[in-house]
Amino acid sequence: MRKIVSCEFNMDTACVELRLEDGTLFSIDCTAVENEVANSMYQRSELDWLIYNDPLAYAELILNGAPELYLKAVTQKTPLD
């Protein structure tokens, strides 16, 4: 994969935008990703945390193609007994 020069979340478009060293621009539609891979509010919350706090990790997660595995590993539903 080519080197990422900059990565940031654009609130106006709800996209994580990446610029690669060769000048290529990527825009990841965060709403579409959440609708496709998140099955619960816990998974959506985890993705939102990544988007706002570590957009580079979010982008790498999506570009590597394993968001479902990540979400299964970090989110667990526990009943409130």
N, C-alpha and C. Protein backbone atom coordinates (compact mmCIF):
# COMPACT_ATOMS: atom_id res chain seq x y z
N MET A 1 0.83 -1.18 0.00
CA MET A 1 0.00 0.00 0.00
C MET A 1 0.88 1.25 0.00
N ARG A 2 0.41 2.27 -0.67
CA ARG A 2 1.15 3.52 -0.73
C ARG A 2 1.09 4.25 0.61
N LYS A 3 2.05 5.10 0.83
CA LYS A 3 2.16 5.82 2.11
C LYS A 3 1.09 6.91 2.21
N ILE A 4 0.44 6.98 3.38
CA ILE A 4 -0.58 7.99 3.64
C ILE A 4 0.13 9.24 4.18
N VAL A 5 -0.12 10.38 3.53
CA VAL A 5 0.50 11.63 3.92
C VAL A 5 -0.37 12.37 4.94
N SER A 6 -1.68 12.40 4.71
CA SER A 6 -2.58 13.06 5.66
C SER A 6 -3.89 12.30 5.73
N CYS A 7 -4.53 12.42 6.89
CA CYS A 7 -5.80 11.74 7.13
C CYS A 7 -6.59 12.57 8.13
N GLU A 8 -7.85 12.88 7.78
CA GLU A 8 -8.69 13.64 8.71
C GLU A 8 -10.15 13.36 8.43
N PHE A 9 -10.97 13.58 9.44
CA PHE A 9 -12.41 13.44 9.32
C PHE A 9 -12.99 14.79 8.92
N ASN A 10 -13.78 14.81 7.85
CA ASN A 10 -14.43 16.01 7.38
C ASN A 10 -15.88 15.98 7.84
N MET A 11 -16.24 16.83 8.80
CA MET A 11 -17.59 16.83 9.35
C MET A 11 -18.64 17.27 8.33
N ASP A 12 -18.25 18.08 7.36
CA ASP A 12 -19.20 18.56 6.36
C ASP A 12 -19.69 17.45 5.44
N THR A 13 -18.81 16.51 5.14
CA THR A 13 -19.17 15.42 4.24
C THR A 13 -19.37 14.09 4.95
N ALA A 14 -19.04 14.02 6.23
CA ALA A 14 -19.09 12.78 7.03
C ALA A 14 -18.20 11.70 6.42
N CYS A 15 -17.03 12.13 5.95
CA CYS A 15 -16.08 11.22 5.32
C CYS A 15 -14.70 11.37 5.95
N VAL A 16 -13.98 10.26 6.00
CA VAL A 16 -12.56 10.30 6.36
C VAL A 16 -11.81 10.46 5.04
N GLU A 17 -11.02 11.52 4.97
CA GLU A 17 -10.32 11.84 3.73
C GLU A 17 -8.83 11.56 3.89
N LEU A 18 -8.27 10.85 2.91
CA LEU A 18 -6.86 10.47 2.91
C LEU A 18 -6.16 11.07 1.70
N ARG A 19 -4.93 11.51 1.90
CA ARG A 19 -4.09 11.93 0.79
C ARG A 19 -2.85 11.04 0.81
N LEU A 20 -2.57 10.40 -0.32
CA LEU A 20 -1.41 9.53 -0.43
C LEU A 20 -0.23 10.29 -1.00
N GLU A 21 0.97 9.72 -0.86
CA GLU A 21 2.18 10.41 -1.26
C GLU A 21 2.24 10.72 -2.75
N ASP A 22 1.51 9.98 -3.57
CA ASP A 22 1.50 10.24 -5.01
C ASP A 22 0.42 11.25 -5.41
N GLY A 23 -0.28 11.83 -4.43
CA GLY A 23 -1.29 12.84 -4.70
C GLY A 23 -2.71 12.30 -4.80
N THR A 24 -2.87 11.00 -4.73
CA THR A 24 -4.19 10.39 -4.79
C THR A 24 -5.01 10.76 -3.56
N LEU A 25 -6.29 11.05 -3.77
CA LEU A 25 -7.19 11.36 -2.67
C LEU A 25 -8.22 10.25 -2.53
N PHE A 26 -8.44 9.80 -1.31
CA PHE A 26 -9.48 8.83 -0.99
C PHE A 26 -10.47 9.48 -0.05
N SER A 27 -11.73 9.15 -0.21
CA SER A 27 -12.75 9.63 0.71
C SER A 27 -13.59 8.42 1.11
N ILE A 28 -13.61 8.11 2.41
CA ILE A 28 -14.37 6.97 2.92
C ILE A 28 -15.66 7.49 3.53
N ASP A 29 -16.79 7.11 2.96
CA ASP A 29 -18.10 7.53 3.45
C ASP A 29 -18.42 6.75 4.73
N CYS A 30 -18.31 7.41 5.87
CA CYS A 30 -18.45 6.75 7.16
C CYS A 30 -19.88 6.25 7.40
N THR A 31 -20.86 6.99 6.93
CA THR A 31 -22.26 6.57 7.10
C THR A 31 -22.51 5.27 6.35
N ALA A 32 -22.02 5.18 5.13
CA ALA A 32 -22.21 3.96 4.34
C ALA A 32 -21.51 2.77 4.98
N VAL A 33 -20.31 2.99 5.52
CA VAL A 33 -19.58 1.91 6.18
C VAL A 33 -20.35 1.43 7.41
N GLU A 34 -20.84 2.36 8.23
CA GLU A 34 -21.60 1.97 9.42
C GLU A 34 -22.85 1.19 9.04
N ASN A 35 -23.56 1.63 8.00
CA ASN A 35 -24.76 0.93 7.57
C ASN A 35 -24.46 -0.48 7.08
N GLU A 36 -23.29 -0.66 6.52
CA GLU A 36 -22.92 -1.96 5.96
C GLU A 36 -22.38 -2.94 7.00
N VAL A 37 -21.55 -2.48 7.93
CA VAL A 37 -20.86 -3.43 8.81
C VAL A 37 -21.31 -3.43 10.27
N ALA A 38 -21.91 -2.35 10.75
CA ALA A 38 -22.28 -2.27 12.17
C ALA A 38 -23.68 -2.84 12.38
N ASN A 39 -23.78 -3.81 13.28
CA ASN A 39 -25.06 -4.47 13.54
C ASN A 39 -25.70 -4.05 14.84
N SER A 40 -25.03 -3.27 15.64
CA SER A 40 -25.58 -2.86 16.94
C SER A 40 -25.08 -1.46 17.28
N MET A 41 -25.71 -0.88 18.30
CA MET A 41 -25.28 0.45 18.72
C MET A 41 -23.86 0.42 19.29
N TYR A 42 -23.45 -0.71 19.84
CA TYR A 42 -22.10 -0.83 20.38
C TYR A 42 -21.06 -0.78 19.26
N GLN A 43 -21.35 -1.45 18.16
CA GLN A 43 -20.43 -1.44 17.02
C GLN A 43 -20.38 -0.06 16.38
N ARG A 44 -21.53 0.60 16.25
CA ARG A 44 -21.56 1.95 15.71
C ARG A 44 -20.78 2.91 16.61
N SER A 45 -20.93 2.74 17.90
CA SER A 45 -20.22 3.58 18.84
C SER A 45 -18.70 3.39 18.71
N GLU A 46 -18.26 2.17 18.55
CA GLU A 46 -16.82 1.89 18.38
C GLU A 46 -16.29 2.53 17.10
N LEU A 47 -17.05 2.42 16.01
CA LEU A 47 -16.62 3.05 14.76
C LEU A 47 -16.59 4.57 14.90
N ASP A 48 -17.60 5.13 15.58
CA ASP A 48 -17.62 6.58 15.79
C ASP A 48 -16.41 7.04 16.61
N TRP A 49 -16.06 6.28 17.63
CA TRP A 49 -14.90 6.64 18.44
C TRP A 49 -13.65 6.67 17.57
N LEU A 50 -13.47 5.67 16.73
CA LEU A 50 -12.30 5.64 15.85
C LEU A 50 -12.30 6.82 14.88
N ILE A 51 -13.47 7.11 14.32
CA ILE A 51 -13.56 8.21 13.34
C ILE A 51 -13.10 9.52 13.95
N TYR A 52 -13.59 9.82 15.15
CA TYR A 52 -13.28 11.11 15.77
C TYR A 52 -11.92 11.15 16.44
N ASN A 53 -11.46 10.05 17.00
CA ASN A 53 -10.24 10.05 17.79
C ASN A 53 -9.00 9.52 17.06
N ASP A 54 -9.21 8.62 16.11
CA ASP A 54 -8.08 8.05 15.38
C ASP A 54 -8.49 7.73 13.95
N PRO A 55 -8.70 8.77 13.12
CA PRO A 55 -9.16 8.53 11.75
C PRO A 55 -8.19 7.69 10.91
N LEU A 56 -6.91 7.76 11.23
CA LEU A 56 -5.93 6.95 10.49
C LEU A 56 -6.15 5.47 10.75
N ALA A 57 -6.36 5.09 12.00
CA ALA A 57 -6.64 3.68 12.33
C ALA A 57 -7.95 3.23 11.68
N TYR A 58 -8.95 4.11 11.66
CA TYR A 58 -10.22 3.80 11.01
C TYR A 58 -10.01 3.54 9.52
N ALA A 59 -9.27 4.43 8.87
CA ALA A 59 -9.02 4.28 7.44
C ALA A 59 -8.26 3.00 7.13
N GLU A 60 -7.25 2.70 7.92
CA GLU A 60 -6.49 1.47 7.71
C GLU A 60 -7.36 0.24 7.92
N LEU A 61 -8.24 0.29 8.91
CA LEU A 61 -9.16 -0.81 9.18
C LEU A 61 -10.07 -1.05 7.98
N ILE A 62 -10.62 0.00 7.42
CA ILE A 62 -11.53 -0.12 6.28
C ILE A 62 -10.77 -0.54 5.03
N LEU A 63 -9.63 0.06 4.77
CA LEU A 63 -8.86 -0.27 3.57
C LEU A 63 -8.29 -1.68 3.60
N ASN A 64 -8.00 -2.21 4.79
CA ASN A 64 -7.50 -3.58 4.91
C ASN A 64 -8.62 -4.60 4.80
N GLY A 65 -9.87 -4.15 4.88
CA GLY A 65 -11.00 -5.02 4.63
C GLY A 65 -11.42 -5.94 5.76
N ALA A 66 -11.13 -5.58 7.00
CA ALA A 66 -11.48 -6.47 8.11
C ALA A 66 -12.27 -5.77 9.22
N PRO A 67 -13.21 -4.88 8.90
CA PRO A 67 -13.92 -4.20 9.99
C PRO A 67 -14.82 -5.14 10.79
N GLU A 68 -15.39 -6.16 10.16
CA GLU A 68 -16.27 -7.08 10.89
C GLU A 68 -15.50 -7.84 11.96
N LEU A 69 -14.31 -8.31 11.64
CA LEU A 69 -13.49 -9.04 12.61
C LEU A 69 -13.10 -8.14 13.78
N TYR A 70 -12.74 -6.91 13.47
CA TYR A 70 -12.37 -5.95 14.52
C TYR A 70 -13.56 -5.69 15.44
N LEU A 71 -14.73 -5.46 14.86
CA LEU A 71 -15.91 -5.15 15.67
C LEU A 71 -16.32 -6.32 16.54
N LYS A 72 -16.20 -7.54 16.03
CA LYS A 72 -16.52 -8.71 16.84
C LYS A 72 -15.55 -8.85 18.01
N ALA A 73 -14.31 -8.46 17.79
CA ALA A 73 -13.29 -8.61 18.85
C ALA A 73 -13.43 -7.55 19.95
N VAL A 74 -13.88 -6.35 19.62
CA VAL A 74 -13.88 -5.28 20.61
C VAL A 74 -15.24 -4.98 21.22
N THR A 75 -16.30 -5.49 20.65
CA THR A 75 -17.63 -5.18 21.21
C THR A 75 -18.30 -6.46 21.68
N GLN A 76 -18.91 -6.35 22.83
CA GLN A 76 -19.68 -7.46 23.39
C GLN A 76 -20.93 -6.89 24.02
N LYS A 77 -22.04 -7.55 23.78
CA LYS A 77 -23.29 -7.13 24.41
C LYS A 77 -23.41 -7.88 25.74
N THR A 78 -23.67 -7.15 26.79
CA THR A 78 -23.87 -7.79 28.08
C THR A 78 -25.22 -7.34 28.65
N PRO A 79 -26.02 -8.26 29.10
CA PRO A 79 -27.31 -7.88 29.67
C PRO A 79 -27.15 -7.14 30.98
N LEU A 80 -28.09 -6.29 31.30
CA LEU A 80 -28.06 -5.50 32.53
C LEU A 80 -28.82 -6.21 33.63
N ASP A 81 -28.33 -7.31 34.09
CA ASP A 81 -29.02 -8.08 35.16
C ASP A 81 -28.68 -7.55 36.51
